[in-house]
């Protein structure tokens, strides 16, 4: 398990009424094809990489895969892939939680195994100029209102510094937090999800975000 920063006991936010909102993810009712053509053809190759400690990010990655259908490959934990495999895909969806003080999963965050932090270190000297990347991040805006989904910014910086094009900026309206390193011009650098406090908004947010980025992903 990873070390977490102290919880703010005074911050309140309405939680989902679902009795298992902190554990389960609702299955989507419809797929979102990447292509606008009636044939369902898909352009390019897409892969989903995620880092996780509790398993919540894995569940979201699988939910995205279900929504996009057979046109894309199944999600893979970043600590179970190779650098060559990662670099072979021109279009990537990257997911992560935020741990501790704006940290990505990894040994420095107190995790038992390697994850995003170590993988980023391995990208030193690599070029990602031919990559299109979309990010999604999980956070807890009640427990950690000063670092909500801040880990996305670390991954954003890692790929953009190496030339990748990042798509899928997401508005900050509808959340209740103090600060986030993942904000640029009042938008998150990727989709922000809170499975602890806004579980009931996850499917709607996912659908809207995937509709927003599908053209860029299919380009």
N, C-alpha and C. Protein backbone atom coordinates (compact mmCIF):
# COMPACT_ATOMS: atom_id res chain seq x y z
N UNK A 1 0.84 -1.20 0.00
CA UNK A 1 0.00 0.00 0.00
C UNK A 1 0.87 1.25 0.00
N UNK A 2 0.30 2.40 -0.37
CA UNK A 2 1.05 3.64 -0.44
C UNK A 2 0.67 4.57 0.69
N UNK A 3 1.60 5.43 1.06
CA UNK A 3 1.36 6.39 2.13
C UNK A 3 0.46 7.51 1.61
N UNK A 4 -0.48 7.93 2.42
CA UNK A 4 -1.41 8.99 2.04
C UNK A 4 -1.20 10.19 2.94
N UNK A 5 -1.45 11.39 2.40
CA UNK A 5 -1.33 12.59 3.19
C UNK A 5 -2.51 12.70 4.14
N UNK A 6 -2.38 13.49 5.23
CA UNK A 6 -3.44 13.58 6.24
C UNK A 6 -4.75 14.03 5.65
N UNK A 7 -5.84 13.45 6.12
CA UNK A 7 -7.18 13.80 5.66
C UNK A 7 -7.66 15.05 6.36
N UNK A 8 -8.32 15.93 5.63
CA UNK A 8 -8.95 17.12 6.21
C UNK A 8 -10.31 16.72 6.74
N UNK A 9 -10.52 16.68 8.06
CA UNK A 9 -11.78 16.19 8.60
C UNK A 9 -12.90 17.19 8.53
N UNK A 10 -12.60 18.44 8.13
CA UNK A 10 -13.60 19.50 8.18
C UNK A 10 -14.29 19.74 6.84
N UNK A 11 -13.71 19.28 5.77
CA UNK A 11 -14.27 19.50 4.44
C UNK A 11 -15.41 18.54 4.19
N UNK A 12 -16.55 19.05 3.74
CA UNK A 12 -17.74 18.23 3.51
C UNK A 12 -18.16 18.32 2.05
N UNK A 13 -18.65 17.22 1.53
CA UNK A 13 -19.15 17.18 0.16
C UNK A 13 -20.18 16.09 0.08
N UNK A 14 -21.27 16.35 -0.64
CA UNK A 14 -22.32 15.35 -0.77
C UNK A 14 -21.78 14.12 -1.46
N UNK A 15 -22.04 12.95 -0.90
CA UNK A 15 -21.58 11.69 -1.47
C UNK A 15 -22.70 11.02 -2.26
N UNK A 16 -22.30 10.08 -3.09
CA UNK A 16 -23.28 9.32 -3.83
C UNK A 16 -24.15 8.53 -2.87
N UNK A 17 -25.40 8.33 -3.27
CA UNK A 17 -26.31 7.54 -2.44
C UNK A 17 -26.12 6.06 -2.63
N UNK A 18 -25.30 5.66 -3.61
CA UNK A 18 -25.07 4.24 -3.86
C UNK A 18 -24.35 3.62 -2.67
N UNK A 19 -24.82 2.52 -2.13
CA UNK A 19 -24.22 1.96 -0.92
C UNK A 19 -22.79 1.47 -1.10
N UNK A 20 -22.37 1.17 -2.33
CA UNK A 20 -21.01 0.68 -2.56
C UNK A 20 -20.23 1.64 -3.43
N UNK A 21 -20.51 2.93 -3.29
CA UNK A 21 -19.93 3.90 -4.20
C UNK A 21 -18.42 3.96 -4.13
N UNK A 22 -17.81 3.55 -3.04
CA UNK A 22 -16.37 3.61 -2.92
C UNK A 22 -15.69 2.36 -3.41
N UNK A 23 -16.46 1.38 -3.87
CA UNK A 23 -15.85 0.13 -4.27
C UNK A 23 -16.15 -0.26 -5.71
N UNK A 24 -17.32 0.04 -6.21
CA UNK A 24 -17.75 -0.50 -7.50
C UNK A 24 -17.85 0.57 -8.57
N UNK A 25 -17.80 0.14 -9.82
CA UNK A 25 -17.99 1.01 -10.96
C UNK A 25 -19.14 0.49 -11.78
N UNK A 26 -20.09 1.35 -12.11
CA UNK A 26 -21.27 0.94 -12.86
C UNK A 26 -20.88 0.61 -14.30
N UNK A 27 -21.43 -0.45 -14.84
CA UNK A 27 -21.13 -0.87 -16.20
C UNK A 27 -21.88 0.03 -17.18
N UNK A 28 -21.22 0.52 -18.25
CA UNK A 28 -21.86 1.41 -19.20
C UNK A 28 -22.92 0.69 -20.01
N UNK A 29 -23.84 1.47 -20.56
CA UNK A 29 -24.93 0.88 -21.33
C UNK A 29 -24.70 0.97 -22.83
N UNK A 30 -23.67 1.75 -23.26
CA UNK A 30 -23.46 1.90 -24.69
C UNK A 30 -21.98 2.13 -24.97
N UNK A 31 -21.53 1.66 -26.14
CA UNK A 31 -20.16 1.89 -26.55
C UNK A 31 -20.05 3.20 -27.31
N UNK A 32 -18.83 3.72 -27.40
CA UNK A 32 -18.56 4.95 -28.13
C UNK A 32 -17.54 4.62 -29.20
N UNK A 33 -17.94 4.42 -30.47
CA UNK A 33 -16.97 4.09 -31.50
C UNK A 33 -16.03 5.25 -31.75
N UNK A 34 -14.75 4.95 -32.03
CA UNK A 34 -13.78 6.00 -32.29
C UNK A 34 -13.98 6.60 -33.67
N UNK A 35 -14.53 5.84 -34.60
CA UNK A 35 -14.71 6.33 -35.95
C UNK A 35 -16.08 6.93 -36.12
N UNK A 36 -16.18 7.97 -36.98
CA UNK A 36 -17.47 8.55 -37.29
C UNK A 36 -18.14 7.86 -38.46
N UNK A 37 -17.46 6.89 -39.08
CA UNK A 37 -18.02 6.20 -40.23
C UNK A 37 -18.97 5.10 -39.78
N UNK A 38 -19.91 4.74 -40.64
CA UNK A 38 -20.87 3.70 -40.33
C UNK A 38 -20.22 2.32 -40.30
N UNK A 39 -19.04 2.20 -40.91
CA UNK A 39 -18.39 0.89 -40.95
C UNK A 39 -17.76 0.51 -39.62
N UNK A 40 -17.56 1.50 -38.75
CA UNK A 40 -16.96 1.23 -37.45
C UNK A 40 -15.46 1.08 -37.51
N UNK A 41 -14.84 1.44 -38.64
CA UNK A 41 -13.40 1.35 -38.76
C UNK A 41 -12.73 2.30 -37.79
N UNK A 42 -11.56 1.92 -37.33
CA UNK A 42 -10.82 2.74 -36.39
C UNK A 42 -9.47 3.12 -37.00
N UNK A 43 -9.04 4.36 -36.73
CA UNK A 43 -7.77 4.82 -37.27
C UNK A 43 -6.70 4.75 -36.20
N UNK A 44 -5.54 4.19 -36.53
CA UNK A 44 -4.44 4.15 -35.59
C UNK A 44 -4.58 3.03 -34.59
N UNK A 45 -3.60 2.95 -33.69
CA UNK A 45 -3.61 1.94 -32.64
C UNK A 45 -3.66 2.65 -31.29
N UNK A 46 -4.42 2.08 -30.36
CA UNK A 46 -4.66 2.72 -29.08
C UNK A 46 -4.37 1.74 -27.96
N UNK A 47 -3.73 2.23 -26.92
CA UNK A 47 -3.47 1.39 -25.77
C UNK A 47 -3.69 2.21 -24.51
N UNK A 48 -4.10 1.51 -23.47
CA UNK A 48 -4.42 2.16 -22.20
C UNK A 48 -3.46 1.66 -21.14
N UNK A 49 -2.73 2.58 -20.56
CA UNK A 49 -1.80 2.26 -19.49
C UNK A 49 -2.29 2.93 -18.21
N UNK A 50 -2.17 2.25 -17.10
CA UNK A 50 -2.59 2.86 -15.85
C UNK A 50 -1.65 2.41 -14.74
N UNK A 51 -1.57 3.22 -13.71
CA UNK A 51 -0.87 2.86 -12.49
C UNK A 51 -1.87 2.86 -11.37
N UNK A 52 -1.79 1.91 -10.46
CA UNK A 52 -2.81 1.82 -9.42
C UNK A 52 -2.21 1.21 -8.16
N UNK A 53 -2.82 1.52 -7.02
CA UNK A 53 -2.43 0.88 -5.76
C UNK A 53 -3.62 0.16 -5.15
N UNK A 54 -4.77 0.82 -5.13
CA UNK A 54 -5.97 0.22 -4.54
C UNK A 54 -6.82 -0.53 -5.56
N UNK A 55 -6.60 -0.33 -6.85
CA UNK A 55 -7.39 -0.99 -7.89
C UNK A 55 -8.46 -0.12 -8.50
N UNK A 56 -8.71 1.07 -7.96
CA UNK A 56 -9.76 1.93 -8.50
C UNK A 56 -9.43 2.41 -9.92
N UNK A 57 -8.16 2.74 -10.16
CA UNK A 57 -7.78 3.20 -11.50
C UNK A 57 -7.93 2.08 -12.51
N UNK A 58 -7.64 0.87 -12.10
CA UNK A 58 -7.83 -0.28 -12.99
C UNK A 58 -9.29 -0.42 -13.40
N UNK A 59 -10.20 -0.22 -12.46
CA UNK A 59 -11.63 -0.34 -12.76
C UNK A 59 -12.07 0.72 -13.77
N UNK A 60 -11.55 1.94 -13.62
CA UNK A 60 -11.89 2.98 -14.58
C UNK A 60 -11.31 2.67 -15.95
N UNK A 61 -10.08 2.18 -16.00
CA UNK A 61 -9.47 1.80 -17.28
C UNK A 61 -10.30 0.74 -17.99
N UNK A 62 -10.80 -0.23 -17.24
CA UNK A 62 -11.64 -1.27 -17.83
C UNK A 62 -12.98 -0.69 -18.29
N UNK A 63 -13.51 0.26 -17.56
CA UNK A 63 -14.77 0.89 -17.94
C UNK A 63 -14.60 1.66 -19.25
N UNK A 64 -13.48 2.37 -19.39
CA UNK A 64 -13.20 3.08 -20.64
C UNK A 64 -13.08 2.10 -21.79
N UNK A 65 -12.41 1.00 -21.55
CA UNK A 65 -12.26 -0.02 -22.59
C UNK A 65 -13.61 -0.55 -23.02
N UNK A 66 -14.50 -0.79 -22.07
CA UNK A 66 -15.85 -1.27 -22.40
C UNK A 66 -16.61 -0.24 -23.22
N UNK A 67 -16.45 1.02 -22.91
CA UNK A 67 -17.16 2.06 -23.64
C UNK A 67 -16.66 2.21 -25.07
N UNK A 68 -15.36 2.04 -25.28
CA UNK A 68 -14.80 2.23 -26.61
C UNK A 68 -14.89 0.97 -27.47
N UNK A 69 -15.10 -0.18 -26.84
CA UNK A 69 -15.35 -1.38 -27.61
C UNK A 69 -14.11 -2.06 -28.16
N UNK A 70 -14.33 -2.89 -29.17
CA UNK A 70 -13.27 -3.76 -29.70
C UNK A 70 -12.24 -3.02 -30.55
N UNK A 71 -12.46 -1.75 -30.81
CA UNK A 71 -11.52 -1.01 -31.65
C UNK A 71 -10.21 -0.73 -30.94
N UNK A 72 -10.15 -0.96 -29.63
CA UNK A 72 -8.95 -0.63 -28.87
C UNK A 72 -8.47 -1.84 -28.08
N UNK A 73 -7.21 -1.83 -27.72
CA UNK A 73 -6.64 -2.91 -26.93
C UNK A 73 -7.04 -2.78 -25.46
N UNK A 74 -6.90 -3.86 -24.73
CA UNK A 74 -7.24 -3.87 -23.31
C UNK A 74 -6.22 -3.07 -22.51
N UNK A 75 -6.65 -2.49 -21.38
CA UNK A 75 -5.72 -1.71 -20.55
C UNK A 75 -4.67 -2.58 -19.89
N UNK A 76 -3.49 -1.98 -19.66
CA UNK A 76 -2.36 -2.70 -19.09
C UNK A 76 -1.77 -1.86 -17.95
N UNK A 77 -1.47 -2.53 -16.84
CA UNK A 77 -0.79 -1.85 -15.75
C UNK A 77 0.61 -1.44 -16.21
N UNK A 78 1.00 -0.21 -15.92
CA UNK A 78 2.27 0.30 -16.42
C UNK A 78 3.46 -0.51 -15.91
N UNK A 79 3.31 -1.16 -14.77
CA UNK A 79 4.43 -1.97 -14.26
C UNK A 79 4.47 -3.37 -14.88
N UNK A 80 3.59 -3.61 -15.86
CA UNK A 80 3.59 -4.90 -16.54
C UNK A 80 3.81 -4.75 -18.04
N UNK A 81 4.40 -3.64 -18.42
CA UNK A 81 4.71 -3.43 -19.83
C UNK A 81 6.18 -3.08 -19.96
N UNK A 82 6.63 -2.94 -21.20
CA UNK A 82 8.02 -2.58 -21.47
C UNK A 82 8.06 -1.22 -22.14
N UNK A 83 9.20 -0.60 -22.13
CA UNK A 83 9.34 0.70 -22.77
C UNK A 83 9.10 0.58 -24.27
N UNK A 84 9.56 -0.49 -24.88
CA UNK A 84 9.34 -0.68 -26.32
C UNK A 84 7.85 -0.78 -26.64
N UNK A 85 7.11 -1.51 -25.82
CA UNK A 85 5.67 -1.63 -26.05
C UNK A 85 4.99 -0.28 -25.90
N UNK A 86 5.36 0.45 -24.88
CA UNK A 86 4.79 1.77 -24.64
C UNK A 86 5.03 2.69 -25.82
N UNK A 87 6.24 2.69 -26.33
CA UNK A 87 6.60 3.60 -27.42
C UNK A 87 6.03 3.18 -28.76
N UNK A 88 5.55 1.96 -28.88
CA UNK A 88 5.06 1.47 -30.17
C UNK A 88 3.65 1.96 -30.49
N UNK A 89 2.96 2.55 -29.51
CA UNK A 89 1.58 2.98 -29.73
C UNK A 89 1.51 4.49 -29.91
N UNK A 90 0.98 4.95 -31.07
CA UNK A 90 0.93 6.39 -31.33
C UNK A 90 -0.15 7.11 -30.54
N UNK A 91 -1.17 6.39 -30.08
CA UNK A 91 -2.27 7.00 -29.32
C UNK A 91 -2.38 6.28 -27.99
N UNK A 92 -2.38 7.05 -26.89
CA UNK A 92 -2.35 6.44 -25.57
C UNK A 92 -3.31 7.16 -24.62
N UNK A 93 -4.02 6.37 -23.82
CA UNK A 93 -4.78 6.89 -22.69
C UNK A 93 -4.06 6.46 -21.42
N UNK A 94 -3.69 7.41 -20.60
CA UNK A 94 -2.88 7.14 -19.42
C UNK A 94 -3.65 7.53 -18.17
N UNK A 95 -3.75 6.60 -17.22
CA UNK A 95 -4.52 6.85 -16.01
C UNK A 95 -3.70 6.66 -14.76
N UNK A 96 -4.02 7.45 -13.73
CA UNK A 96 -3.26 7.38 -12.49
C UNK A 96 -4.07 7.97 -11.33
N UNK A 97 -3.81 7.51 -10.10
CA UNK A 97 -4.32 8.19 -8.92
C UNK A 97 -3.26 9.19 -8.44
N UNK A 98 -3.64 10.05 -7.49
CA UNK A 98 -2.68 10.92 -6.83
C UNK A 98 -2.45 10.40 -5.43
N UNK A 99 -1.20 10.25 -5.05
CA UNK A 99 -0.84 9.73 -3.73
C UNK A 99 0.01 10.74 -2.97
N UNK A 100 -0.12 10.76 -1.64
CA UNK A 100 0.71 11.61 -0.81
C UNK A 100 0.64 13.06 -1.23
N UNK A 101 1.78 13.69 -1.28
CA UNK A 101 1.87 15.10 -1.65
C UNK A 101 2.09 15.24 -3.15
N UNK A 102 1.00 15.12 -3.90
CA UNK A 102 1.03 15.30 -5.36
C UNK A 102 1.91 14.28 -6.05
N UNK A 103 1.97 13.08 -5.52
CA UNK A 103 2.86 12.06 -6.07
C UNK A 103 2.10 11.08 -6.96
N UNK A 104 2.83 10.57 -7.96
CA UNK A 104 2.35 9.45 -8.76
C UNK A 104 2.64 8.16 -8.01
N UNK A 105 1.95 7.08 -8.33
CA UNK A 105 2.28 5.79 -7.72
C UNK A 105 3.72 5.41 -8.01
N UNK A 106 4.38 4.85 -7.01
CA UNK A 106 5.76 4.43 -7.15
C UNK A 106 6.39 4.21 -5.80
N UNK A 107 7.62 3.79 -5.80
CA UNK A 107 8.31 3.47 -4.56
C UNK A 107 8.45 4.69 -3.65
N UNK A 108 8.68 5.88 -4.24
CA UNK A 108 8.83 7.09 -3.44
C UNK A 108 7.55 7.46 -2.71
N UNK A 109 6.41 6.99 -3.22
CA UNK A 109 5.13 7.27 -2.58
C UNK A 109 4.78 6.21 -1.54
N UNK A 110 5.69 5.28 -1.31
CA UNK A 110 5.46 4.25 -0.31
C UNK A 110 4.80 3.00 -0.85
N UNK A 111 4.69 2.87 -2.17
CA UNK A 111 4.08 1.69 -2.77
C UNK A 111 5.03 0.49 -2.65
N UNK A 112 4.43 -0.69 -2.66
CA UNK A 112 5.23 -1.91 -2.52
C UNK A 112 5.97 -2.27 -3.80
N UNK A 113 5.49 -1.75 -4.94
CA UNK A 113 6.12 -2.06 -6.21
C UNK A 113 6.29 -0.82 -7.06
N UNK A 114 7.03 -0.97 -8.16
CA UNK A 114 7.23 0.15 -9.07
C UNK A 114 5.95 0.47 -9.85
N UNK A 115 5.84 1.71 -10.31
CA UNK A 115 4.66 2.13 -11.05
C UNK A 115 5.04 3.30 -11.95
N UNK A 116 4.17 4.31 -12.03
CA UNK A 116 4.37 5.41 -12.97
C UNK A 116 5.68 6.17 -12.72
N UNK A 117 6.01 6.42 -11.47
CA UNK A 117 7.20 7.23 -11.21
C UNK A 117 8.45 6.59 -11.79
N UNK A 118 8.60 5.31 -11.59
CA UNK A 118 9.78 4.62 -12.12
C UNK A 118 9.74 4.55 -13.65
N UNK A 119 8.54 4.40 -14.22
CA UNK A 119 8.44 4.32 -15.66
C UNK A 119 8.82 5.66 -16.29
N UNK A 120 8.37 6.75 -15.68
CA UNK A 120 8.72 8.08 -16.18
C UNK A 120 10.23 8.28 -16.15
N UNK A 121 10.86 7.83 -15.07
CA UNK A 121 12.32 7.94 -14.98
C UNK A 121 12.99 7.23 -16.15
N UNK A 122 12.39 6.14 -16.61
CA UNK A 122 12.95 5.39 -17.72
C UNK A 122 12.77 6.05 -19.07
N UNK A 123 11.92 7.09 -19.14
CA UNK A 123 11.70 7.82 -20.40
C UNK A 123 12.76 8.87 -20.67
N UNK A 124 13.71 9.00 -19.77
CA UNK A 124 14.75 10.01 -19.94
C UNK A 124 15.44 9.87 -21.30
N UNK A 125 15.48 10.97 -22.05
CA UNK A 125 16.12 10.97 -23.35
C UNK A 125 15.25 10.50 -24.49
N UNK A 126 14.02 10.05 -24.20
CA UNK A 126 13.12 9.55 -25.23
C UNK A 126 12.32 10.70 -25.87
N UNK A 127 11.95 10.51 -27.13
CA UNK A 127 11.11 11.47 -27.86
C UNK A 127 9.71 10.90 -28.01
N UNK A 128 8.70 11.73 -27.72
CA UNK A 128 7.30 11.32 -27.87
C UNK A 128 6.57 12.23 -28.84
N UNK A 129 7.29 12.80 -29.78
CA UNK A 129 6.71 13.80 -30.68
C UNK A 129 5.64 13.22 -31.59
N UNK A 130 5.61 11.91 -31.78
CA UNK A 130 4.60 11.29 -32.64
C UNK A 130 3.44 10.71 -31.85
N UNK A 131 3.33 11.06 -30.56
CA UNK A 131 2.29 10.49 -29.70
C UNK A 131 1.16 11.49 -29.42
N UNK A 132 -0.05 10.95 -29.40
CA UNK A 132 -1.21 11.70 -28.91
C UNK A 132 -1.65 11.04 -27.61
N UNK A 133 -1.77 11.83 -26.55
CA UNK A 133 -2.02 11.30 -25.22
C UNK A 133 -3.25 11.96 -24.61
N UNK A 134 -4.07 11.16 -23.95
CA UNK A 134 -5.18 11.68 -23.14
C UNK A 134 -5.00 11.12 -21.73
N UNK A 135 -5.24 11.95 -20.72
CA UNK A 135 -5.01 11.58 -19.33
C UNK A 135 -6.32 11.51 -18.55
N UNK A 136 -6.39 10.56 -17.63
CA UNK A 136 -7.47 10.57 -16.64
C UNK A 136 -6.87 10.29 -15.28
N UNK A 137 -7.36 11.01 -14.27
CA UNK A 137 -6.80 10.88 -12.94
C UNK A 137 -7.87 10.73 -11.88
N UNK A 138 -7.57 9.93 -10.86
CA UNK A 138 -8.49 9.74 -9.75
C UNK A 138 -7.98 10.48 -8.52
N UNK A 139 -8.91 11.08 -7.79
CA UNK A 139 -8.55 11.80 -6.57
C UNK A 139 -9.71 11.82 -5.60
N UNK A 140 -9.46 12.37 -4.44
CA UNK A 140 -10.45 12.49 -3.37
C UNK A 140 -10.48 13.95 -2.94
N UNK A 141 -11.47 14.69 -3.44
CA UNK A 141 -11.52 16.13 -3.19
C UNK A 141 -11.93 16.48 -1.76
N UNK A 142 -12.48 15.53 -1.03
CA UNK A 142 -12.83 15.75 0.37
C UNK A 142 -11.64 15.45 1.28
N UNK A 143 -11.04 14.29 1.11
CA UNK A 143 -9.92 13.89 1.95
C UNK A 143 -8.64 14.64 1.65
N UNK A 144 -8.44 15.02 0.38
CA UNK A 144 -7.20 15.66 -0.03
C UNK A 144 -7.50 16.89 -0.91
N UNK A 145 -8.18 17.90 -0.34
CA UNK A 145 -8.64 19.04 -1.15
C UNK A 145 -7.52 19.93 -1.66
N UNK A 146 -6.32 19.80 -1.09
CA UNK A 146 -5.20 20.64 -1.53
C UNK A 146 -4.34 19.97 -2.59
N UNK A 147 -4.64 18.73 -2.93
CA UNK A 147 -3.86 18.00 -3.94
C UNK A 147 -4.77 17.20 -4.87
N UNK A 148 -5.95 17.71 -5.15
CA UNK A 148 -6.91 16.92 -5.92
C UNK A 148 -6.37 16.63 -7.32
N UNK A 149 -6.25 15.37 -7.66
CA UNK A 149 -5.75 14.84 -8.94
C UNK A 149 -4.46 15.51 -9.41
N UNK A 150 -3.65 16.00 -8.48
CA UNK A 150 -2.42 16.70 -8.85
C UNK A 150 -1.42 15.79 -9.55
N UNK A 151 -1.53 14.48 -9.34
CA UNK A 151 -0.63 13.56 -10.01
C UNK A 151 -0.71 13.63 -11.53
N UNK A 152 -1.86 14.06 -12.06
CA UNK A 152 -1.99 14.18 -13.51
C UNK A 152 -0.98 15.16 -14.08
N UNK A 153 -0.67 16.21 -13.33
CA UNK A 153 0.26 17.23 -13.83
C UNK A 153 1.66 16.65 -13.99
N UNK A 154 2.07 15.78 -13.08
CA UNK A 154 3.39 15.16 -13.20
C UNK A 154 3.49 14.32 -14.47
N UNK A 155 2.43 13.59 -14.78
CA UNK A 155 2.43 12.78 -16.00
C UNK A 155 2.30 13.67 -17.23
N UNK A 156 1.49 14.72 -17.13
CA UNK A 156 1.35 15.69 -18.22
C UNK A 156 2.72 16.29 -18.57
N UNK A 157 3.43 16.73 -17.55
CA UNK A 157 4.76 17.32 -17.78
C UNK A 157 5.72 16.30 -18.40
N UNK A 158 5.64 15.06 -17.94
CA UNK A 158 6.56 14.03 -18.42
C UNK A 158 6.39 13.79 -19.91
N UNK A 159 5.15 13.78 -20.39
CA UNK A 159 4.93 13.49 -21.82
C UNK A 159 5.07 14.73 -22.69
N UNK A 160 4.60 15.88 -22.21
CA UNK A 160 4.71 17.09 -23.03
C UNK A 160 6.15 17.57 -23.13
N UNK A 161 6.94 17.38 -22.08
CA UNK A 161 8.36 17.75 -22.14
C UNK A 161 9.10 16.94 -23.19
N UNK A 162 8.55 15.79 -23.55
CA UNK A 162 9.17 14.94 -24.55
C UNK A 162 8.47 15.03 -25.91
N UNK A 163 7.57 16.04 -26.04
CA UNK A 163 6.99 16.36 -27.33
C UNK A 163 5.63 15.80 -27.63
N UNK A 164 5.00 15.08 -26.71
CA UNK A 164 3.68 14.51 -26.98
C UNK A 164 2.60 15.59 -27.04
N UNK A 165 1.57 15.32 -27.81
CA UNK A 165 0.40 16.19 -27.86
C UNK A 165 -0.65 15.63 -26.90
N UNK A 166 -1.07 16.44 -25.95
CA UNK A 166 -2.06 16.01 -24.97
C UNK A 166 -3.42 16.61 -25.31
N UNK A 167 -4.44 15.77 -25.34
CA UNK A 167 -5.81 16.21 -25.63
C UNK A 167 -6.69 15.86 -24.42
N UNK A 168 -7.89 16.43 -24.39
CA UNK A 168 -8.84 16.04 -23.36
C UNK A 168 -8.84 16.88 -22.11
N UNK A 169 -8.51 18.17 -22.20
CA UNK A 169 -8.63 19.05 -21.04
C UNK A 169 -10.08 19.05 -20.55
N UNK A 170 -10.25 19.15 -19.23
CA UNK A 170 -11.58 18.97 -18.64
C UNK A 170 -11.90 20.12 -17.70
N UNK A 171 -13.13 20.71 -17.77
CA UNK A 171 -13.47 21.86 -16.91
C UNK A 171 -13.48 21.50 -15.43
N UNK A 172 -13.13 22.47 -14.60
CA UNK A 172 -13.09 22.28 -13.16
C UNK A 172 -14.42 22.52 -12.47
N UNK A 173 -15.42 22.97 -13.21
CA UNK A 173 -16.75 23.19 -12.63
C UNK A 173 -17.36 21.86 -12.18
N UNK A 174 -18.07 21.89 -11.05
CA UNK A 174 -18.72 20.70 -10.56
C UNK A 174 -17.92 19.95 -9.51
N UNK A 175 -16.74 20.45 -9.17
CA UNK A 175 -15.91 19.85 -8.13
C UNK A 175 -15.80 20.84 -6.96
N UNK A 176 -15.40 20.36 -5.81
CA UNK A 176 -15.25 21.19 -4.62
C UNK A 176 -13.93 20.86 -3.94
N UNK A 177 -12.89 21.61 -4.27
CA UNK A 177 -11.55 21.37 -3.74
C UNK A 177 -10.86 22.72 -3.57
N UNK A 178 -9.71 22.71 -2.92
CA UNK A 178 -8.97 23.96 -2.70
C UNK A 178 -7.99 24.24 -3.83
N UNK A 179 -7.09 23.33 -4.06
CA UNK A 179 -6.07 23.53 -5.09
C UNK A 179 -5.78 22.22 -5.81
N UNK A 180 -5.25 22.36 -7.02
CA UNK A 180 -4.81 21.20 -7.80
C UNK A 180 -3.70 21.64 -8.73
N UNK A 181 -2.61 20.91 -8.72
CA UNK A 181 -1.51 21.20 -9.64
C UNK A 181 -1.89 20.86 -11.08
N UNK A 182 -2.98 20.13 -11.27
CA UNK A 182 -3.37 19.66 -12.61
C UNK A 182 -4.22 20.66 -13.37
N UNK A 183 -4.35 21.89 -12.86
CA UNK A 183 -5.13 22.92 -13.54
C UNK A 183 -4.25 23.80 -14.41
N UNK A 184 -4.68 24.02 -15.64
CA UNK A 184 -4.08 24.99 -16.55
C UNK A 184 -5.22 25.80 -17.15
N UNK A 185 -5.20 27.11 -16.93
CA UNK A 185 -6.27 27.99 -17.41
C UNK A 185 -7.64 27.50 -16.92
N UNK A 186 -7.70 27.11 -15.66
CA UNK A 186 -8.93 26.70 -14.98
C UNK A 186 -9.52 25.41 -15.55
N UNK A 187 -8.71 24.64 -16.26
CA UNK A 187 -9.14 23.32 -16.72
C UNK A 187 -8.13 22.27 -16.26
N UNK A 188 -8.64 21.09 -15.93
CA UNK A 188 -7.74 19.98 -15.64
C UNK A 188 -7.05 19.53 -16.93
N UNK A 189 -5.84 19.05 -16.81
CA UNK A 189 -5.10 18.59 -17.99
C UNK A 189 -5.65 17.28 -18.53
N UNK A 190 -6.57 16.67 -17.83
CA UNK A 190 -7.25 15.45 -18.26
C UNK A 190 -8.53 15.29 -17.46
N UNK A 191 -9.19 14.17 -17.64
CA UNK A 191 -10.45 13.92 -16.94
C UNK A 191 -10.19 13.66 -15.46
N UNK A 192 -10.87 14.41 -14.60
CA UNK A 192 -10.75 14.24 -13.15
C UNK A 192 -11.96 13.45 -12.64
N UNK A 193 -11.69 12.36 -11.91
CA UNK A 193 -12.75 11.53 -11.36
C UNK A 193 -12.56 11.36 -9.86
N UNK A 194 -13.68 11.33 -9.14
CA UNK A 194 -13.66 11.15 -7.69
C UNK A 194 -14.60 10.01 -7.34
N UNK A 195 -14.05 8.81 -7.23
CA UNK A 195 -14.86 7.63 -6.92
C UNK A 195 -15.26 7.56 -5.45
N UNK A 196 -14.67 8.39 -4.62
CA UNK A 196 -15.01 8.39 -3.21
C UNK A 196 -16.21 9.25 -2.89
N UNK A 197 -16.37 10.35 -3.63
CA UNK A 197 -17.39 11.32 -3.28
C UNK A 197 -18.38 11.64 -4.40
N UNK A 198 -18.02 11.38 -5.64
CA UNK A 198 -18.91 11.69 -6.77
C UNK A 198 -19.01 10.49 -7.72
N UNK A 199 -19.16 9.34 -7.12
CA UNK A 199 -19.30 8.10 -7.90
C UNK A 199 -20.42 8.22 -8.94
N UNK A 200 -21.51 8.83 -8.55
CA UNK A 200 -22.68 8.87 -9.43
C UNK A 200 -22.49 9.77 -10.65
N UNK A 201 -21.41 10.53 -10.71
CA UNK A 201 -21.12 11.37 -11.87
C UNK A 201 -20.09 10.75 -12.81
N UNK A 202 -19.51 9.63 -12.42
CA UNK A 202 -18.42 9.05 -13.19
C UNK A 202 -18.83 8.66 -14.60
N UNK A 203 -19.94 7.95 -14.74
CA UNK A 203 -20.33 7.48 -16.07
C UNK A 203 -20.64 8.65 -17.00
N UNK A 204 -21.33 9.65 -16.49
CA UNK A 204 -21.66 10.82 -17.31
C UNK A 204 -20.40 11.56 -17.73
N UNK A 205 -19.47 11.73 -16.79
CA UNK A 205 -18.22 12.41 -17.11
C UNK A 205 -17.40 11.63 -18.12
N UNK A 206 -17.34 10.33 -17.95
CA UNK A 206 -16.60 9.49 -18.89
C UNK A 206 -17.18 9.60 -20.29
N UNK A 207 -18.49 9.50 -20.39
CA UNK A 207 -19.14 9.56 -21.70
C UNK A 207 -18.84 10.89 -22.39
N UNK A 208 -19.00 11.99 -21.66
CA UNK A 208 -18.77 13.32 -22.25
C UNK A 208 -17.32 13.49 -22.66
N UNK A 209 -16.40 13.02 -21.83
CA UNK A 209 -14.98 13.16 -22.13
C UNK A 209 -14.58 12.34 -23.35
N UNK A 210 -15.05 11.11 -23.43
CA UNK A 210 -14.72 10.26 -24.57
C UNK A 210 -15.32 10.80 -25.86
N UNK A 211 -16.49 11.38 -25.78
CA UNK A 211 -17.07 12.03 -26.96
C UNK A 211 -16.20 13.21 -27.39
N UNK A 212 -15.68 13.91 -26.41
CA UNK A 212 -14.84 15.07 -26.67
C UNK A 212 -13.53 14.70 -27.37
N UNK A 213 -12.92 13.61 -26.95
CA UNK A 213 -11.58 13.27 -27.45
C UNK A 213 -11.56 12.25 -28.56
N UNK A 214 -12.70 11.67 -28.92
CA UNK A 214 -12.65 10.54 -29.85
C UNK A 214 -12.12 10.95 -31.24
N UNK A 215 -12.41 12.18 -31.67
CA UNK A 215 -11.90 12.62 -32.96
C UNK A 215 -10.38 12.70 -32.94
N UNK A 216 -9.85 13.26 -31.85
CA UNK A 216 -8.40 13.38 -31.72
C UNK A 216 -7.74 12.01 -31.63
N UNK A 217 -8.38 11.08 -30.94
CA UNK A 217 -7.82 9.74 -30.79
C UNK A 217 -7.84 8.97 -32.11
N UNK A 218 -8.81 9.26 -32.96
CA UNK A 218 -8.92 8.55 -34.22
C UNK A 218 -8.11 9.17 -35.33
N UNK A 219 -7.50 10.33 -35.05
CA UNK A 219 -6.77 11.05 -36.10
C UNK A 219 -5.48 10.32 -36.44
